[in-house]
Amino acid sequence: MATFTKHVGRNRHGQRLVVVFREIPDDETNCLVVHTDSLREMYHDQLIREVNSREAQDTVDLYKVLERRHFGDGQQMLNALHNQGLLQKYPVSEIEMQPMPNRVVNLAIVNEQIKTGKIVSESGKAPDVAATKTDPTGAGVSVDTEANLVKPVAVAPVVVGNEADTEALAEGKLLQARLMEEDAKKMREEAYALNPSLKKGGRPKKETV
């Protein structure tokens, strides 16, 4: 019998990926993913091993686990993925989660269900076995195996706030700031390439006689 796996999916081109941030802090319309087929073998195998770990499968936010784990080269996983440009930004509407073969659900739907109906304890674990059976994906959806459909589960929300959540949110915001700075730098370079005179100290305009 096939098992359910969180955090894995594909984009609209069918490329396999792992969702590290379900949504970017202050930007719920976009997420950050890693294309697993583009990783070198060591990173690929170690990342997939962490995704399949009990800790990762017990939480809805993979980045919280990756910021506590290291690759074989000693680099912290989350930082390594970011520094090497392996975290790619996508609209959540373009990502399909695939918790089980032949079962797909749009990430936008998953995020909405987590916000409105997912019970999360301070440890990030499912509260009990019955809830896990009702929601085997751990993402606020249930699977009707007979109809081959994925549908929302209505569960009363429980809001949990603690120091770890605050720290994770702050780190997420810093990551978003770095990404925005990189995007701004790229746009400036593109603008200067189109019109070098815009760059301070660029070539002067020709004088008209």
C-alpha atoms as a PDB file:
ATOM      1  CA  MET A   1       0.000   0.000   0.000  1.00  0.00           C
ATOM      2  CA  ALA A   2       1.349   3.428  -0.976  1.00  0.00           C
ATOM      3  CA  THR A   3       2.194   5.806   1.873  1.00  0.00           C
ATOM      4  CA  PHE A   4       1.455   9.502   2.160  1.00  0.00           C
ATOM      5  CA  THR A   5       4.366  11.925   2.005  1.00  0.00           C
ATOM      6  CA  LYS A   6       4.207  15.618   2.815  1.00  0.00           C
ATOM      7  CA  HIS A   7       6.141  18.454   1.139  1.00  0.00           C
ATOM      8  CA  VAL A   8       6.567  16.787  -2.272  1.00  0.00           C
ATOM      9  CA  GLY A   9       4.929  17.864  -5.492  1.00  0.00           C
ATOM     10  CA  ARG A  10       5.469  19.204  -8.998  1.00  0.00           C
ATOM     11  CA  ASN A  11       5.146  22.443 -10.933  1.00  0.00           C
ATOM     12  CA  ARG A  12       2.938  23.051 -13.962  1.00  0.00           C
ATOM     13  CA  HIS A  13       5.669  21.648 -16.205  1.00  0.00           C
ATOM     14  CA  GLY A  14       5.665  18.368 -14.310  1.00  0.00           C
ATOM     15  CA  GLN A  15       9.076  18.934 -12.683  1.00  0.00           C
ATOM     16  CA  ARG A  16       9.434  17.203  -9.342  1.00  0.00           C
ATOM     17  CA  LEU A  17      10.095  19.411  -6.340  1.00  0.00           C
ATOM     18  CA  VAL A  18      10.102  19.770  -2.569  1.00  0.00           C
ATOM     19  CA  VAL A  19       8.190  22.668  -1.007  1.00  0.00           C
ATOM     20  CA  VAL A  20      10.444  24.306   1.590  1.00  0.00           C
ATOM     21  CA  PHE A  21       8.258  27.377   2.309  1.00  0.00           C
ATOM     22  CA  ARG A  22       4.528  26.829   1.660  1.00  0.00           C
ATOM     23  CA  GLU A  23       4.268  30.594   1.433  1.00  0.00           C
ATOM     24  CA  ILE A  24       6.735  33.430   1.799  1.00  0.00           C
ATOM     25  CA  PRO A  25       6.314  35.574   4.933  1.00  0.00           C
ATOM     26  CA  ASP A  26       4.116  38.585   4.051  1.00  0.00           C
ATOM     27  CA  ASP A  27       3.540  37.108   0.580  1.00  0.00           C
ATOM     28  CA  GLU A  28       1.066  34.246   0.778  1.00  0.00           C
ATOM     29  CA  THR A  29       0.698  34.100  -3.021  1.00  0.00           C
ATOM     30  CA  ASN A  30       4.218  32.732  -3.532  1.00  0.00           C
ATOM     31  CA  CYS A  31       6.206  29.790  -2.186  1.00  0.00           C
ATOM     32  CA  LEU A  32       9.828  28.600  -2.255  1.00  0.00           C
ATOM     33  CA  VAL A  33      10.648  25.193  -3.689  1.00  0.00           C
ATOM     34  CA  VAL A  34      13.671  23.083  -4.627  1.00  0.00           C
ATOM     35  CA  HIS A  35      13.726  21.157  -7.898  1.00  0.00           C
ATOM     36  CA  THR A  36      15.038  17.815  -6.704  1.00  0.00           C
ATOM     37  CA  ASP A  37      16.164  16.576 -10.123  1.00  0.00           C
ATOM     38  CA  SER A  38      18.563  19.534 -10.405  1.00  0.00           C
ATOM     39  CA  LEU A  39      20.417  18.705  -7.160  1.00  0.00           C
ATOM     40  CA  ARG A  40      23.735  16.964  -7.111  1.00  0.00           C
ATOM     41  CA  GLU A  41      23.518  13.425  -5.778  1.00  0.00           C
ATOM     42  CA  MET A  42      24.690  14.110  -2.221  1.00  0.00           C
ATOM     43  CA  TYR A  43      22.306  17.016  -1.706  1.00  0.00           C
ATOM     44  CA  HIS A  44      19.443  15.149  -3.363  1.00  0.00           C
ATOM     45  CA  ASP A  45      19.766  12.026  -1.247  1.00  0.00           C
ATOM     46  CA  GLN A  46      20.219  13.885   2.042  1.00  0.00           C
ATOM     47  CA  LEU A  47      17.345  16.294   1.348  1.00  0.00           C
ATOM     48  CA  ILE A  48      14.959  13.471   0.445  1.00  0.00           C
ATOM     49  CA  ARG A  49      16.046  11.593   3.567  1.00  0.00           C
ATOM     50  CA  GLU A  50      15.122  14.618   5.695  1.00  0.00           C
ATOM     51  CA  VAL A  51      11.802  15.072   3.875  1.00  0.00           C
ATOM     52  CA  ASN A  52      10.928  11.460   4.663  1.00  0.00           C
ATOM     53  CA  SER A  53      12.031  11.738   8.289  1.00  0.00           C
ATOM     54  CA  ARG A  54       9.474  11.473  11.062  1.00  0.00           C
ATOM     55  CA  GLU A  55      10.159  15.040  12.169  1.00  0.00           C
ATOM     56  CA  ALA A  56       9.510  16.485   8.696  1.00  0.00           C
ATOM     57  CA  GLN A  57       6.391  14.385   8.217  1.00  0.00           C
ATOM     58  CA  ASP A  58       5.044  15.607  11.557  1.00  0.00           C
ATOM     59  CA  THR A  59       5.192  19.288  10.570  1.00  0.00           C
ATOM     60  CA  VAL A  60       3.531  21.385   7.884  1.00  0.00           C
ATOM     61  CA  ASP A  61       6.572  23.654   7.427  1.00  0.00           C
ATOM     62  CA  LEU A  62       9.646  21.865   6.092  1.00  0.00           C
ATOM     63  CA  TYR A  63      11.980  24.849   6.501  1.00  0.00           C
ATOM     64  CA  LYS A  64      11.747  24.535  10.294  1.00  0.00           C
ATOM     65  CA  VAL A  65      13.393  21.128  10.032  1.00  0.00           C
ATOM     66  CA  LEU A  66      15.973  22.090   7.388  1.00  0.00           C
ATOM     67  CA  GLU A  67      17.255  25.004   9.478  1.00  0.00           C
ATOM     68  CA  ARG A  68      18.257  22.441  12.136  1.00  0.00           C
ATOM     69  CA  ARG A  69      19.904  19.962   9.764  1.00  0.00           C
ATOM     70  CA  HIS A  70      23.215  19.934   7.871  1.00  0.00           C
ATOM     71  CA  PHE A  71      24.412  18.476   4.599  1.00  0.00           C
ATOM     72  CA  GLY A  72      27.417  16.161   4.507  1.00  0.00           C
ATOM     73  CA  ASP A  73      29.677  19.119   3.647  1.00  0.00           C
ATOM     74  CA  GLY A  74      28.805  20.742   6.982  1.00  0.00           C
ATOM     75  CA  GLN A  75      26.530  23.458   5.622  1.00  0.00           C
ATOM     76  CA  GLN A  76      23.189  24.126   7.276  1.00  0.00           C
ATOM     77  CA  MET A  77      20.597  22.837   4.827  1.00  0.00           C
ATOM     78  CA  LEU A  78      18.353  25.892   4.566  1.00  0.00           C
ATOM     79  CA  ASN A  79      21.266  28.312   4.196  1.00  0.00           C
ATOM     80  CA  ALA A  80      23.005  26.093   1.652  1.00  0.00           C
ATOM     81  CA  LEU A  81      19.897  25.868  -0.522  1.00  0.00           C
ATOM     82  CA  HIS A  82      19.471  29.645  -0.377  1.00  0.00           C
ATOM     83  CA  ASN A  83      23.130  30.599  -0.885  1.00  0.00           C
ATOM     84  CA  GLN A  84      23.469  28.308  -3.905  1.00  0.00           C
ATOM     85  CA  GLY A  85      20.357  29.698  -5.557  1.00  0.00           C
ATOM     86  CA  LEU A  86      18.457  26.426  -5.267  1.00  0.00           C
ATOM     87  CA  LEU A  87      15.342  27.956  -3.674  1.00  0.00           C
ATOM     88  CA  GLN A  88      13.017  28.946  -6.506  1.00  0.00           C
ATOM     89  CA  LYS A  89       9.999  31.233  -6.100  1.00  0.00           C
ATOM     90  CA  TYR A  90       6.693  30.089  -7.600  1.00  0.00           C
ATOM     91  CA  PRO A  91       3.071  31.202  -7.296  1.00  0.00           C
ATOM     92  CA  VAL A  92       1.347  28.751  -4.964  1.00  0.00           C
ATOM     93  CA  SER A  93      -1.367  28.301  -7.590  1.00  0.00           C
ATOM     94  CA  GLU A  94       1.192  26.702  -9.927  1.00  0.00           C
ATOM     95  CA  ILE A  95       2.299  24.021  -7.466  1.00  0.00           C
ATOM     96  CA  GLU A  96       0.554  20.679  -7.112  1.00  0.00           C
ATOM     97  CA  MET A  97       1.237  18.672  -3.995  1.00  0.00           C
ATOM     98  CA  GLN A  98       1.437  14.934  -4.553  1.00  0.00           C
ATOM     99  CA  PRO A  99       1.158  13.183  -1.181  1.00  0.00           C
ATOM    100  CA  MET A 100       0.466   9.859  -2.886  1.00  0.00           C
ATOM    101  CA  PRO A 101       0.785   8.483  -6.438  1.00  0.00           C
ATOM    102  CA  ASN A 102      -2.218   9.572  -8.533  1.00  0.00           C
ATOM    103  CA  ARG A 103      -3.352  11.955  -5.774  1.00  0.00           C
ATOM    104  CA  VAL A 104      -2.800  15.692  -6.322  1.00  0.00           C
ATOM    105  CA  VAL A 105      -4.027  18.877  -4.654  1.00  0.00           C
ATOM    106  CA  ASN A 106      -3.121  22.481  -5.437  1.00  0.00           C
ATOM    107  CA  LEU A 107      -0.834  24.117  -2.871  1.00  0.00           C
ATOM    108  CA  ALA A 108      -3.123  27.152  -2.665  1.00  0.00           C
ATOM    109  CA  ILE A 109      -5.909  24.872  -1.424  1.00  0.00           C
ATOM    110  CA  VAL A 110      -3.573  23.159   1.040  1.00  0.00           C
ATOM    111  CA  ASN A 111      -2.450  26.511   2.473  1.00  0.00           C
ATOM    112  CA  GLU A 112      -6.013  27.714   2.851  1.00  0.00           C
ATOM    113  CA  GLN A 113      -7.044  24.530   4.637  1.00  0.00           C
ATOM    114  CA  ILE A 114      -4.070  24.741   6.992  1.00  0.00           C
ATOM    115  CA  LYS A 115      -5.055  28.311   7.912  1.00  0.00           C
ATOM    116  CA  THR A 116      -8.709  27.574   8.470  1.00  0.00           C
ATOM    117  CA  GLY A 117      -8.894  23.996   9.612  1.00  0.00           C
ATOM    118  CA  LYS A 118      -5.599  22.408  10.602  1.00  0.00           C
ATOM    119  CA  ILE A 119      -4.954  21.433  14.235  1.00  0.00           C
ATOM    120  CA  VAL A 120      -1.288  21.966  15.054  1.00  0.00           C
ATOM    121  CA  SER A 121       0.276  21.274  18.426  1.00  0.00           C
ATOM    122  CA  GLU A 122       3.350  23.072  19.753  1.00  0.00           C
ATOM    123  CA  SER A 123       5.495  20.193  18.543  1.00  0.00           C
ATOM    124  CA  GLY A 124       3.958  20.418  15.084  1.00  0.00           C
ATOM    125  CA  LYS A 125       2.693  16.826  15.357  1.00  0.00           C
ATOM    126  CA  ALA A 126      -0.756  15.548  14.543  1.00  0.00           C
ATOM    127  CA  PRO A 127      -2.802  15.441  17.758  1.00  0.00           C
ATOM    128  CA  ASP A 128      -3.841  11.786  17.555  1.00  0.00           C
ATOM    129  CA  VAL A 129      -4.009   8.707  15.348  1.00  0.00           C
ATOM    130  CA  ALA A 130      -7.638   9.264  14.433  1.00  0.00           C
ATOM    131  CA  ALA A 131      -6.850  12.728  13.076  1.00  0.00           C
ATOM    132  CA  THR A 132      -3.957  11.307  11.049  1.00  0.00           C
ATOM    133  CA  LYS A 133      -6.280   8.755   9.448  1.00  0.00           C
ATOM    134  CA  THR A 134      -8.838  11.441   8.692  1.00  0.00           C
ATOM    135  CA  ASP A 135      -6.151  13.705   7.271  1.00  0.00           C
ATOM    136  CA  PRO A 136      -3.346  11.368   6.108  1.00  0.00           C
ATOM    137  CA  THR A 137      -1.593  14.101   4.131  1.00  0.00           C
ATOM    138  CA  GLY A 138      -1.237  16.234   7.230  1.00  0.00           C
ATOM    139  CA  ALA A 139      -2.200  19.188   5.051  1.00  0.00           C
ATOM    140  CA  GLY A 140      -5.852  19.725   5.829  1.00  0.00           C
ATOM    141  CA  VAL A 141      -7.151  17.428   3.105  1.00  0.00           C
ATOM    142  CA  SER A 142      -8.644  13.951   3.062  1.00  0.00           C
ATOM    143  CA  VAL A 143      -8.502  11.390   0.307  1.00  0.00           C
ATOM    144  CA  ASP A 144     -11.534   9.522  -0.992  1.00  0.00           C
ATOM    145  CA  THR A 145      -9.847   6.388  -2.311  1.00  0.00           C
ATOM    146  CA  GLU A 146     -12.994   5.124  -3.987  1.00  0.00           C
ATOM    147  CA  ALA A 147     -13.660   8.319  -5.919  1.00  0.00           C
ATOM    148  CA  ASN A 148      -9.924   9.054  -6.305  1.00  0.00           C
ATOM    149  CA  LEU A 149     -10.459  12.613  -5.059  1.00  0.00           C
ATOM    150  CA  VAL A 150      -8.719  14.927  -2.642  1.00  0.00           C
ATOM    151  CA  LYS A 151     -11.062  17.087  -0.595  1.00  0.00           C
ATOM    152  CA  PRO A 152     -10.858  19.473   2.382  1.00  0.00           C
ATOM    153  CA  VAL A 153     -11.319  18.317   5.949  1.00  0.00           C
ATOM    154  CA  ALA A 154     -13.279  20.606   8.254  1.00  0.00           C
ATOM    155  CA  VAL A 155     -11.451  20.717  11.580  1.00  0.00           C
ATOM    156  CA  ALA A 156     -11.707  23.326  14.303  1.00  0.00           C
ATOM    157  CA  PRO A 157      -8.567  25.487  14.214  1.00  0.00           C
ATOM    158  CA  VAL A 158      -6.247  25.830  17.199  1.00  0.00           C
ATOM    159  CA  VAL A 159      -3.921  28.804  17.221  1.00  0.00           C
ATOM    160  CA  VAL A 160      -0.582  28.131  18.875  1.00  0.00           C
ATOM    161  CA  GLY A 161       2.079  30.768  19.504  1.00  0.00           C
ATOM    162  CA  ASN A 162       5.451  30.232  21.155  1.00  0.00           C
ATOM    163  CA  GLU A 163       9.009  31.484  21.108  1.00  0.00           C
ATOM    164  CA  ALA A 164      10.068  28.936  18.466  1.00  0.00           C
ATOM    165  CA  ASP A 165       7.303  30.093  16.124  1.00  0.00           C
ATOM    166  CA  THR A 166       8.328  33.742  16.600  1.00  0.00           C
ATOM    167  CA  GLU A 167      11.974  32.927  15.893  1.00  0.00           C
ATOM    168  CA  ALA A 168      11.048  30.934  12.776  1.00  0.00           C
ATOM    169  CA  LEU A 169       8.879  33.799  11.528  1.00  0.00           C
ATOM    170  CA  ALA A 170      11.715  36.271  12.038  1.00  0.00           C
ATOM    171  CA  GLU A 171      14.161  34.037  10.152  1.00  0.00           C
ATOM    172  CA  GLY A 172      11.619  33.660   7.367  1.00  0.00           C
ATOM    173  CA  LYS A 173      11.299  37.432   7.061  1.00  0.00           C
ATOM    174  CA  LEU A 174      15.088  37.809   6.882  1.00  0.00           C
ATOM    175  CA  LEU A 175      15.201  35.224   4.107  1.00  0.00           C
ATOM    176  CA  GLN A 176      12.476  37.093   2.240  1.00  0.00           C
ATOM    177  CA  ALA A 177      14.446  40.334   2.621  1.00  0.00           C
ATOM    178  CA  ARG A 178      17.565  38.703   1.155  1.00  0.00           C
ATOM    179  CA  LEU A 179      15.551  37.381  -1.774  1.00  0.00           C
ATOM    180  CA  MET A 180      14.069  40.827  -2.422  1.00  0.00           C
ATOM    181  CA  GLU A 181      17.542  42.396  -2.306  1.00  0.00           C
ATOM    182  CA  GLU A 182      18.799  39.866  -4.845  1.00  0.00           C
ATOM    183  CA  ASP A 183      15.828  40.531  -7.137  1.00  0.00           C
ATOM    184  CA  ALA A 184      16.435  44.285  -6.893  1.00  0.00           C
ATOM    185  CA  LYS A 185      20.122  43.828  -7.723  1.00  0.00           C
ATOM    186  CA  LYS A 186      19.301  41.778 -10.804  1.00  0.00           C
ATOM    187  CA  MET A 187      16.759  44.339 -12.005  1.00  0.00           C
ATOM    188  CA  ARG A 188      19.280  47.178 -11.568  1.00  0.00           C
ATOM    189  CA  GLU A 189      21.885  45.267 -13.582  1.00  0.00           C
ATOM    190  CA  GLU A 190      19.351  44.639 -16.341  1.00  0.00           C
ATOM    191  CA  ALA A 191      18.406  48.331 -16.388  1.00  0.00           C
ATOM    192  CA  TYR A 192      22.059  49.413 -16.605  1.00  0.00           C
ATOM    193  CA  ALA A 193      22.639  46.918 -19.429  1.00  0.00           C
ATOM    194  CA  LEU A 194      19.760  48.493 -21.369  1.00  0.00           C
ATOM    195  CA  ASN A 195      20.878  52.080 -20.665  1.00  0.00           C
ATOM    196  CA  PRO A 196      24.411  52.454 -19.198  1.00  0.00           C
ATOM    197  CA  SER A 197      23.930  56.220 -18.853  1.00  0.00           C
ATOM    198  CA  LEU A 198      21.582  55.572 -15.932  1.00  0.00           C
ATOM    199  CA  LYS A 199      24.439  54.167 -13.886  1.00  0.00           C
ATOM    200  CA  LYS A 200      26.287  56.677 -11.744  1.00  0.00           C
ATOM    201  CA  GLY A 201      29.589  57.455 -13.426  1.00  0.00           C
ATOM    202  CA  GLY A 202      28.409  55.904 -16.685  1.00  0.00           C
ATOM    203  CA  ARG A 203      29.337  57.183 -20.098  1.00  0.00           C
ATOM    204  CA  PRO A 204      28.403  60.868 -20.606  1.00  0.00           C
ATOM    205  CA  LYS A 205      25.864  61.987 -23.123  1.00  0.00           C
ATOM    206  CA  LYS A 206      27.208  63.242 -26.434  1.00  0.00           C
ATOM    207  CA  GLU A 207      27.251  67.017 -26.826  1.00  0.00           C
ATOM    208  CA  THR A 208      25.329  68.485 -29.712  1.00  0.00           C
ATOM    209  CA  VAL A 209      27.059  71.017 -31.889  1.00  0.00           C
END
